[in-house]
Amino acid sequence: MKKYALVTGGSRGIGRAVCVKLARMGYDILINYASNAAEAQKTLELVRQAGQDGEILMFDVSNRAQVVKAMETWEKEHPDEYVEVLVNNAGIRRDNVLVFMSEEEWNGVLNVTLSGFYNVTQALLQPMLVHKYGRIINLASVSGLKGQPGQTNYAAAKGGIIAATKALALEVARKNVTVNAVAPGFIETDMTEGLDVESLKATIPVRRFGKPEEVAELIGFLASPEAGYITGEVVSINGGLHT
């Protein structure tokens, strides 16, 4: 039987690196994206170069109807299979100080991160419980642990993901489904474009930004059978920025 993993926001950055890593671990990859079809196609090509196949699933994680339709369609096409690894990676930044933050900036970030977690995880959870095996890895952030000025919305969303991770882990542990979060610091992706890189590097003990592939290696371990005794944890990967 084929093994399947779904990575939300899989078209670029950390999501792309995770797709490639999980492909190297023997998973066929469901690559979710919301808007950039060309980049999702590039990720699919990289998955195939890694020796596995994949499918591209277009849906906005914050839109429950789109998520349900996409997953119901996939399940009808794969009646004897299920997604055993879920990486909730999709996220957006809309930075602003709270005093000037628009309702759209607040709701947009929380909807993608928190409602996205709910929509996608709930759609995939029952088959994991039935099969008594699953791995759910949620992308948090150093912002969700220590806060960052200008990121009240992002910090609230990522802090919520951390709390949700801990609660869900307790609900599903008996069924051999683990739920963990990874909290990256500054990683070289589209999400960190526009930041003052040199001054930020000076605040990081290892004096550099992380690479998406380094985050993917950590996620790959948490997705593996060998990590079966780790659940409800938040693992930081930030070069010593926050411990």
C-alpha atoms as a PDB file:
ATOM      1  CA  MET A   1       0.000   0.000   0.000  1.00  0.00           C
ATOM      2  CA  LYS A   2       1.236   3.494  -0.816  1.00  0.00           C
ATOM      3  CA  LYS A   3       1.916   5.905   2.028  1.00  0.00           C
ATOM      4  CA  TYR A   4       0.602   9.453   1.742  1.00  0.00           C
ATOM      5  CA  ALA A   5       1.539  12.753   3.349  1.00  0.00           C
ATOM      6  CA  LEU A   6      -0.244  16.097   2.945  1.00  0.00           C
ATOM      7  CA  VAL A   7       1.690  19.357   3.279  1.00  0.00           C
ATOM      8  CA  THR A   8      -0.339  22.555   3.331  1.00  0.00           C
ATOM      9  CA  GLY A   9       1.372  25.552   1.774  1.00  0.00           C
ATOM     10  CA  GLY A  10       3.631  23.099  -0.024  1.00  0.00           C
ATOM     11  CA  SER A  11       4.476  25.194  -3.047  1.00  0.00           C
ATOM     12  CA  ARG A  12       7.395  27.168  -1.605  1.00  0.00           C
ATOM     13  CA  GLY A  13       9.821  27.681   1.277  1.00  0.00           C
ATOM     14  CA  ILE A  14       9.608  25.337   4.248  1.00  0.00           C
ATOM     15  CA  GLY A  15       6.583  23.573   2.743  1.00  0.00           C
ATOM     16  CA  ARG A  16       8.486  22.683  -0.417  1.00  0.00           C
ATOM     17  CA  ALA A  17      11.490  21.406   1.558  1.00  0.00           C
ATOM     18  CA  VAL A  18       9.163  19.252   3.690  1.00  0.00           C
ATOM     19  CA  CYS A  19       7.534  17.773   0.578  1.00  0.00           C
ATOM     20  CA  VAL A  20      10.938  16.728  -0.745  1.00  0.00           C
ATOM     21  CA  LYS A  21      12.068  15.320   2.617  1.00  0.00           C
ATOM     22  CA  LEU A  22       8.911  13.232   3.064  1.00  0.00           C
ATOM     23  CA  ALA A  23       9.205  12.000  -0.522  1.00  0.00           C
ATOM     24  CA  ARG A  24      12.715  10.767   0.277  1.00  0.00           C
ATOM     25  CA  MET A  25      11.166   8.915   3.236  1.00  0.00           C
ATOM     26  CA  GLY A  26       8.896   7.014   0.851  1.00  0.00           C
ATOM     27  CA  TYR A  27       5.711   9.074   0.924  1.00  0.00           C
ATOM     28  CA  ASP A  28       3.592  10.109  -2.015  1.00  0.00           C
ATOM     29  CA  ILE A  29       2.941  13.791  -1.403  1.00  0.00           C
ATOM     30  CA  LEU A  30      -0.270  15.773  -1.586  1.00  0.00           C
ATOM     31  CA  ILE A  31       0.964  19.296  -2.261  1.00  0.00           C
ATOM     32  CA  ASN A  32      -1.547  21.915  -1.180  1.00  0.00           C
ATOM     33  CA  TYR A  33      -1.388  25.466  -2.460  1.00  0.00           C
ATOM     34  CA  ALA A  34      -3.775  28.424  -2.534  1.00  0.00           C
ATOM     35  CA  SER A  35      -2.650  30.638  -5.422  1.00  0.00           C
ATOM     36  CA  ASN A  36       0.696  29.856  -7.064  1.00  0.00           C
ATOM     37  CA  ALA A  37       0.147  26.917  -9.424  1.00  0.00           C
ATOM     38  CA  ALA A  38       3.535  27.279 -11.129  1.00  0.00           C
ATOM     39  CA  GLU A  39       5.444  26.960  -7.845  1.00  0.00           C
ATOM     40  CA  ALA A  40       3.304  23.978  -6.793  1.00  0.00           C
ATOM     41  CA  GLN A  41       4.198  22.301 -10.082  1.00  0.00           C
ATOM     42  CA  LYS A  42       7.894  22.884  -9.354  1.00  0.00           C
ATOM     43  CA  THR A  43       7.457  21.195  -5.977  1.00  0.00           C
ATOM     44  CA  LEU A  44       5.789  18.226  -7.677  1.00  0.00           C
ATOM     45  CA  GLU A  45       8.760  17.927 -10.053  1.00  0.00           C
ATOM     46  CA  LEU A  46      11.149  17.924  -7.074  1.00  0.00           C
ATOM     47  CA  VAL A  47       9.063  15.224  -5.362  1.00  0.00           C
ATOM     48  CA  ARG A  48       9.323  13.088  -8.503  1.00  0.00           C
ATOM     49  CA  GLN A  49      13.076  13.683  -8.660  1.00  0.00           C
ATOM     50  CA  ALA A  50      13.191  12.388  -5.076  1.00  0.00           C
ATOM     51  CA  GLY A  51      11.708   9.109  -6.299  1.00  0.00           C
ATOM     52  CA  GLN A  52       8.046   9.411  -5.319  1.00  0.00           C
ATOM     53  CA  ASP A  53       4.867  10.638  -6.952  1.00  0.00           C
ATOM     54  CA  GLY A  54       2.541  13.368  -5.827  1.00  0.00           C
ATOM     55  CA  GLU A  55      -0.651  15.262  -6.474  1.00  0.00           C
ATOM     56  CA  ILE A  56      -1.414  18.972  -6.366  1.00  0.00           C
ATOM     57  CA  LEU A  57      -4.459  20.003  -4.337  1.00  0.00           C
ATOM     58  CA  MET A  58      -5.612  23.594  -4.682  1.00  0.00           C
ATOM     59  CA  PHE A  59      -7.627  24.890  -1.746  1.00  0.00           C
ATOM     60  CA  ASP A  60      -7.547  27.739   0.740  1.00  0.00           C
ATOM     61  CA  VAL A  61      -7.058  26.106   4.142  1.00  0.00           C
ATOM     62  CA  SER A  62      -9.193  28.811   5.770  1.00  0.00           C
ATOM     63  CA  ASN A  63     -12.162  27.940   3.521  1.00  0.00           C
ATOM     64  CA  ARG A  64     -13.869  24.951   5.110  1.00  0.00           C
ATOM     65  CA  ALA A  65     -15.992  24.107   2.072  1.00  0.00           C
ATOM     66  CA  GLN A  66     -12.931  23.996  -0.193  1.00  0.00           C
ATOM     67  CA  VAL A  67     -11.021  21.768   2.236  1.00  0.00           C
ATOM     68  CA  VAL A  68     -13.900  19.325   2.687  1.00  0.00           C
ATOM     69  CA  LYS A  69     -14.538  19.090  -1.052  1.00  0.00           C
ATOM     70  CA  ALA A  70     -10.857  18.489  -1.864  1.00  0.00           C
ATOM     71  CA  MET A  71     -10.419  15.785   0.748  1.00  0.00           C
ATOM     72  CA  GLU A  72     -13.723  14.043   0.006  1.00  0.00           C
ATOM     73  CA  THR A  73     -12.749  13.932  -3.678  1.00  0.00           C
ATOM     74  CA  TRP A  74      -9.341  12.469  -2.834  1.00  0.00           C
ATOM     75  CA  GLU A  75     -10.842   9.858  -0.523  1.00  0.00           C
ATOM     76  CA  LYS A  76     -13.299   8.735  -3.219  1.00  0.00           C
ATOM     77  CA  GLU A  77     -10.379   8.270  -5.608  1.00  0.00           C
ATOM     78  CA  HIS A  78      -8.353   6.373  -2.958  1.00  0.00           C
ATOM     79  CA  PRO A  79     -10.959   4.292  -1.094  1.00  0.00           C
ATOM     80  CA  ASP A  80      -8.429   1.903   0.471  1.00  0.00           C
ATOM     81  CA  GLU A  81      -5.823   4.489   1.475  1.00  0.00           C
ATOM     82  CA  TYR A  82      -5.439   7.367   3.888  1.00  0.00           C
ATOM     83  CA  VAL A  83      -3.129  10.273   4.633  1.00  0.00           C
ATOM     84  CA  GLU A  84      -0.928   9.180   7.525  1.00  0.00           C
ATOM     85  CA  VAL A  85       1.244  12.303   7.817  1.00  0.00           C
ATOM     86  CA  LEU A  86      -0.155  15.834   7.928  1.00  0.00           C
ATOM     87  CA  VAL A  87       2.062  18.908   8.042  1.00  0.00           C
ATOM     88  CA  ASN A  88       0.043  22.056   8.769  1.00  0.00           C
ATOM     89  CA  ASN A  89       2.470  24.516   7.234  1.00  0.00           C
ATOM     90  CA  ALA A  90       0.252  27.094   5.498  1.00  0.00           C
ATOM     91  CA  GLY A  91       0.554  30.542   7.036  1.00  0.00           C
ATOM     92  CA  ILE A  92       0.682  34.218   6.155  1.00  0.00           C
ATOM     93  CA  ARG A  93       2.193  37.318   7.728  1.00  0.00           C
ATOM     94  CA  ARG A  94       0.407  40.660   7.844  1.00  0.00           C
ATOM     95  CA  ASP A  95       2.680  42.585  10.187  1.00  0.00           C
ATOM     96  CA  ASN A  96       1.550  45.816  11.786  1.00  0.00           C
ATOM     97  CA  VAL A  97       1.525  47.369  15.241  1.00  0.00           C
ATOM     98  CA  LEU A  98      -1.788  46.651  16.906  1.00  0.00           C
ATOM     99  CA  VAL A  99      -2.827  50.285  17.179  1.00  0.00           C
ATOM    100  CA  PHE A 100      -2.911  50.463  13.361  1.00  0.00           C
ATOM    101  CA  MET A 101      -3.817  46.820  12.600  1.00  0.00           C
ATOM    102  CA  SER A 102      -6.858  46.404  10.387  1.00  0.00           C
ATOM    103  CA  GLU A 103      -9.538  43.821  11.018  1.00  0.00           C
ATOM    104  CA  GLU A 104      -8.508  42.198   7.743  1.00  0.00           C
ATOM    105  CA  GLU A 105      -4.883  41.884   8.907  1.00  0.00           C
ATOM    106  CA  TRP A 106      -6.008  40.329  12.197  1.00  0.00           C
ATOM    107  CA  ASN A 107      -8.600  37.936  10.781  1.00  0.00           C
ATOM    108  CA  GLY A 108      -6.536  36.955   7.744  1.00  0.00           C
ATOM    109  CA  VAL A 109      -3.629  35.647   9.791  1.00  0.00           C
ATOM    110  CA  LEU A 110      -5.774  33.867  12.386  1.00  0.00           C
ATOM    111  CA  ASN A 111      -8.045  32.316   9.777  1.00  0.00           C
ATOM    112  CA  VAL A 112      -5.219  30.766   7.768  1.00  0.00           C
ATOM    113  CA  THR A 113      -3.285  29.485  10.785  1.00  0.00           C
ATOM    114  CA  LEU A 114      -5.980  28.496  13.286  1.00  0.00           C
ATOM    115  CA  SER A 115      -9.066  27.839  11.154  1.00  0.00           C
ATOM    116  CA  GLY A 116      -6.743  26.214   8.616  1.00  0.00           C
ATOM    117  CA  PHE A 117      -5.447  23.855  11.316  1.00  0.00           C
ATOM    118  CA  TYR A 118      -9.005  22.972  12.332  1.00  0.00           C
ATOM    119  CA  ASN A 119     -10.319  22.499   8.797  1.00  0.00           C
ATOM    120  CA  VAL A 120      -7.529  20.308   7.476  1.00  0.00           C
ATOM    121  CA  THR A 121      -6.784  18.329  10.636  1.00  0.00           C
ATOM    122  CA  GLN A 122     -10.407  17.444  11.251  1.00  0.00           C
ATOM    123  CA  ALA A 123     -10.792  16.307   7.644  1.00  0.00           C
ATOM    124  CA  LEU A 124      -7.889  13.840   8.005  1.00  0.00           C
ATOM    125  CA  LEU A 125      -8.060  12.807  11.651  1.00  0.00           C
ATOM    126  CA  GLN A 126     -10.682  10.069  11.683  1.00  0.00           C
ATOM    127  CA  PRO A 127      -8.877   7.785   9.196  1.00  0.00           C
ATOM    128  CA  MET A 128      -5.680   8.117  11.262  1.00  0.00           C
ATOM    129  CA  LEU A 129      -7.597   7.032  14.372  1.00  0.00           C
ATOM    130  CA  VAL A 130      -9.244   4.125  12.542  1.00  0.00           C
ATOM    131  CA  HIS A 131      -5.876   2.908  11.209  1.00  0.00           C
ATOM    132  CA  LYS A 132      -4.257   3.542  14.609  1.00  0.00           C
ATOM    133  CA  TYR A 133      -1.349   5.425  13.120  1.00  0.00           C
ATOM    134  CA  GLY A 134      -0.753   9.054  12.261  1.00  0.00           C
ATOM    135  CA  ARG A 135       1.658  11.942  12.497  1.00  0.00           C
ATOM    136  CA  ILE A 136       0.489  15.560  12.710  1.00  0.00           C
ATOM    137  CA  ILE A 137       3.143  18.281  12.692  1.00  0.00           C
ATOM    138  CA  ASN A 138       2.106  21.924  13.056  1.00  0.00           C
ATOM    139  CA  LEU A 139       4.279  24.885  12.101  1.00  0.00           C
ATOM    140  CA  ALA A 140       4.436  27.312  15.006  1.00  0.00           C
ATOM    141  CA  SER A 141       7.038  30.073  15.326  1.00  0.00           C
ATOM    142  CA  VAL A 142       9.398  31.729  17.757  1.00  0.00           C
ATOM    143  CA  SER A 143       6.779  34.523  17.677  1.00  0.00           C
ATOM    144  CA  GLY A 144       4.285  32.163  19.312  1.00  0.00           C
ATOM    145  CA  LEU A 145       6.743  31.483  22.140  1.00  0.00           C
ATOM    146  CA  LYS A 146       8.202  34.920  22.918  1.00  0.00           C
ATOM    147  CA  GLY A 147       6.183  37.405  20.844  1.00  0.00           C
ATOM    148  CA  GLN A 148       7.527  39.916  18.350  1.00  0.00           C
ATOM    149  CA  PRO A 149       6.576  43.595  18.062  1.00  0.00           C
ATOM    150  CA  GLY A 150       4.424  44.185  14.998  1.00  0.00           C
ATOM    151  CA  GLN A 151       3.205  40.597  15.075  1.00  0.00           C
ATOM    152  CA  THR A 152       0.391  40.539  17.629  1.00  0.00           C
ATOM    153  CA  ASN A 153      -1.800  38.718  15.087  1.00  0.00           C
ATOM    154  CA  TYR A 154       0.923  36.268  14.037  1.00  0.00           C
ATOM    155  CA  ALA A 155       2.004  35.630  17.640  1.00  0.00           C
ATOM    156  CA  ALA A 156      -1.607  35.022  18.678  1.00  0.00           C
ATOM    157  CA  ALA A 157      -2.115  32.586  15.805  1.00  0.00           C
ATOM    158  CA  LYS A 158       1.110  30.667  16.447  1.00  0.00           C
ATOM    159  CA  GLY A 159       0.550  30.659  20.208  1.00  0.00           C
ATOM    160  CA  GLY A 160      -2.890  29.217  19.527  1.00  0.00           C
ATOM    161  CA  ILE A 161      -1.352  26.489  17.361  1.00  0.00           C
ATOM    162  CA  ILE A 162       0.973  25.557  20.221  1.00  0.00           C
ATOM    163  CA  ALA A 163      -1.938  25.244  22.656  1.00  0.00           C
ATOM    164  CA  ALA A 164      -4.014  23.286  20.130  1.00  0.00           C
ATOM    165  CA  THR A 165      -1.085  20.932  19.533  1.00  0.00           C
ATOM    166  CA  LYS A 166      -0.837  20.113  23.242  1.00  0.00           C
ATOM    167  CA  ALA A 167      -4.582  19.541  23.628  1.00  0.00           C
ATOM    168  CA  LEU A 168      -5.044  17.402  20.513  1.00  0.00           C
ATOM    169  CA  ALA A 169      -2.001  15.300  21.422  1.00  0.00           C
ATOM    170  CA  LEU A 170      -3.785  14.231  24.621  1.00  0.00           C
ATOM    171  CA  GLU A 171      -6.964  13.323  22.731  1.00  0.00           C
ATOM    172  CA  VAL A 172      -5.364  10.975  20.191  1.00  0.00           C
ATOM    173  CA  ALA A 173      -2.259   9.511  21.838  1.00  0.00           C
ATOM    174  CA  ARG A 174      -3.922   6.167  22.666  1.00  0.00           C
ATOM    175  CA  LYS A 175      -4.534   5.601  18.955  1.00  0.00           C
ATOM    176  CA  ASN A 176      -0.822   5.931  18.101  1.00  0.00           C
ATOM    177  CA  VAL A 177      -1.358   9.355  16.543  1.00  0.00           C
ATOM    178  CA  THR A 178       1.224  11.924  17.614  1.00  0.00           C
ATOM    179  CA  VAL A 179       0.798  15.692  17.417  1.00  0.00           C
ATOM    180  CA  ASN A 180       3.799  17.997  17.650  1.00  0.00           C
ATOM    181  CA  ALA A 181       4.730  21.543  16.726  1.00  0.00           C
ATOM    182  CA  VAL A 182       7.910  22.955  15.262  1.00  0.00           C
ATOM    183  CA  ALA A 183       8.777  26.565  16.084  1.00  0.00           C
ATOM    184  CA  PRO A 184      11.259  28.037  13.594  1.00  0.00           C
ATOM    185  CA  GLY A 185      13.105  31.280  14.082  1.00  0.00           C
ATOM    186  CA  PHE A 186      14.337  33.232  11.063  1.00  0.00           C
ATOM    187  CA  ILE A 187      14.456  30.948   8.016  1.00  0.00           C
ATOM    188  CA  GLU A 188      15.540  31.920   4.498  1.00  0.00           C
ATOM    189  CA  THR A 189      12.149  31.951   2.718  1.00  0.00           C
ATOM    190  CA  ASP A 190       9.703  34.366   1.066  1.00  0.00           C
ATOM    191  CA  MET A 191       8.283  34.964   4.545  1.00  0.00           C
ATOM    192  CA  THR A 192      11.489  36.694   5.673  1.00  0.00           C
ATOM    193  CA  GLU A 193      11.944  38.837   2.558  1.00  0.00           C
ATOM    194  CA  GLY A 194      11.947  42.547   3.310  1.00  0.00           C
ATOM    195  CA  LEU A 195      13.436  42.104   6.780  1.00  0.00           C
ATOM    196  CA  ASP A 196      16.729  43.729   7.778  1.00  0.00           C
ATOM    197  CA  VAL A 197      18.722  40.516   7.480  1.00  0.00           C
ATOM    198  CA  GLU A 198      22.126  41.761   8.623  1.00  0.00           C
ATOM    199  CA  SER A 199      20.898  43.388  11.831  1.00  0.00           C
ATOM    200  CA  LEU A 200      18.730  40.349  12.619  1.00  0.00           C
ATOM    201  CA  LYS A 201      21.664  37.961  12.115  1.00  0.00           C
ATOM    202  CA  ALA A 202      23.517  39.853  14.838  1.00  0.00           C
ATOM    203  CA  THR A 203      20.771  38.874  17.324  1.00  0.00           C
ATOM    204  CA  ILE A 204      21.039  35.140  16.505  1.00  0.00           C
ATOM    205  CA  PRO A 205      23.771  33.233  18.411  1.00  0.00           C
ATOM    206  CA  VAL A 206      24.718  31.128  15.351  1.00  0.00           C
ATOM    207  CA  ARG A 207      24.850  34.369  13.293  1.00  0.00           C
ATOM    208  CA  ARG A 208      22.770  33.197  10.349  1.00  0.00           C
ATOM    209  CA  PHE A 209      19.246  32.439   9.213  1.00  0.00           C
ATOM    210  CA  GLY A 210      18.189  28.819   9.051  1.00  0.00           C
ATOM    211  CA  LYS A 211      17.574  26.898   5.845  1.00  0.00           C
ATOM    212  CA  PRO A 212      14.192  25.370   4.927  1.00  0.00           C
ATOM    213  CA  GLU A 213      15.935  22.012   4.576  1.00  0.00           C
ATOM    214  CA  GLU A 214      17.046  22.143   8.218  1.00  0.00           C
ATOM    215  CA  VAL A 215      13.443  22.600   9.343  1.00  0.00           C
ATOM    216  CA  ALA A 216      12.389  19.802   6.991  1.00  0.00           C
ATOM    217  CA  GLU A 217      14.885  17.395   8.588  1.00  0.00           C
ATOM    218  CA  LEU A 218      13.332  18.020  12.009  1.00  0.00           C
ATOM    219  CA  ILE A 219       9.814  17.553  10.629  1.00  0.00           C
ATOM    220  CA  GLY A 220      10.919  14.378   8.876  1.00  0.00           C
ATOM    221  CA  PHE A 221      12.080  12.917  12.180  1.00  0.00           C
ATOM    222  CA  LEU A 222       8.832  13.844  13.956  1.00  0.00           C
ATOM    223  CA  ALA A 223       6.936  12.223  11.068  1.00  0.00           C
ATOM    224  CA  SER A 224       8.887   8.981  11.376  1.00  0.00           C
ATOM    225  CA  PRO A 225       7.903   5.830  13.285  1.00  0.00           C
ATOM    226  CA  GLU A 226      10.999   6.360  15.454  1.00  0.00           C
ATOM    227  CA  ALA A 227       9.407   9.485  16.971  1.00  0.00           C
ATOM    228  CA  GLY A 228       6.410   7.574  18.318  1.00  0.00           C
ATOM    229  CA  TYR A 229       7.123   8.450  21.961  1.00  0.00           C
ATOM    230  CA  ILE A 230       7.238  12.213  21.289  1.00  0.00           C
ATOM    231  CA  THR A 231       3.870  13.954  21.374  1.00  0.00           C
ATOM    232  CA  GLY A 232       2.480  17.285  22.542  1.00  0.00           C
ATOM    233  CA  GLU A 233       5.905  18.867  22.157  1.00  0.00           C
ATOM    234  CA  VAL A 234       7.030  22.175  20.673  1.00  0.00           C
ATOM    235  CA  VAL A 235      10.526  21.865  19.215  1.00  0.00           C
ATOM    236  CA  SER A 236      12.357  25.135  18.594  1.00  0.00           C
ATOM    237  CA  ILE A 237      14.717  25.495  15.639  1.00  0.00           C
ATOM    238  CA  ASN A 238      16.046  29.037  15.846  1.00  0.00           C
ATOM    239  CA  GLY A 239      19.839  29.077  16.120  1.00  0.00           C
ATOM    240  CA  GLY A 240      19.700  29.846  19.827  1.00  0.00           C
ATOM    241  CA  LEU A 241      17.588  32.993  19.380  1.00  0.00           C
ATOM    242  CA  HIS A 242      15.152  31.853  22.076  1.00  0.00           C
ATOM    243  CA  THR A 243      15.568  28.877  24.415  1.00  0.00           C
END
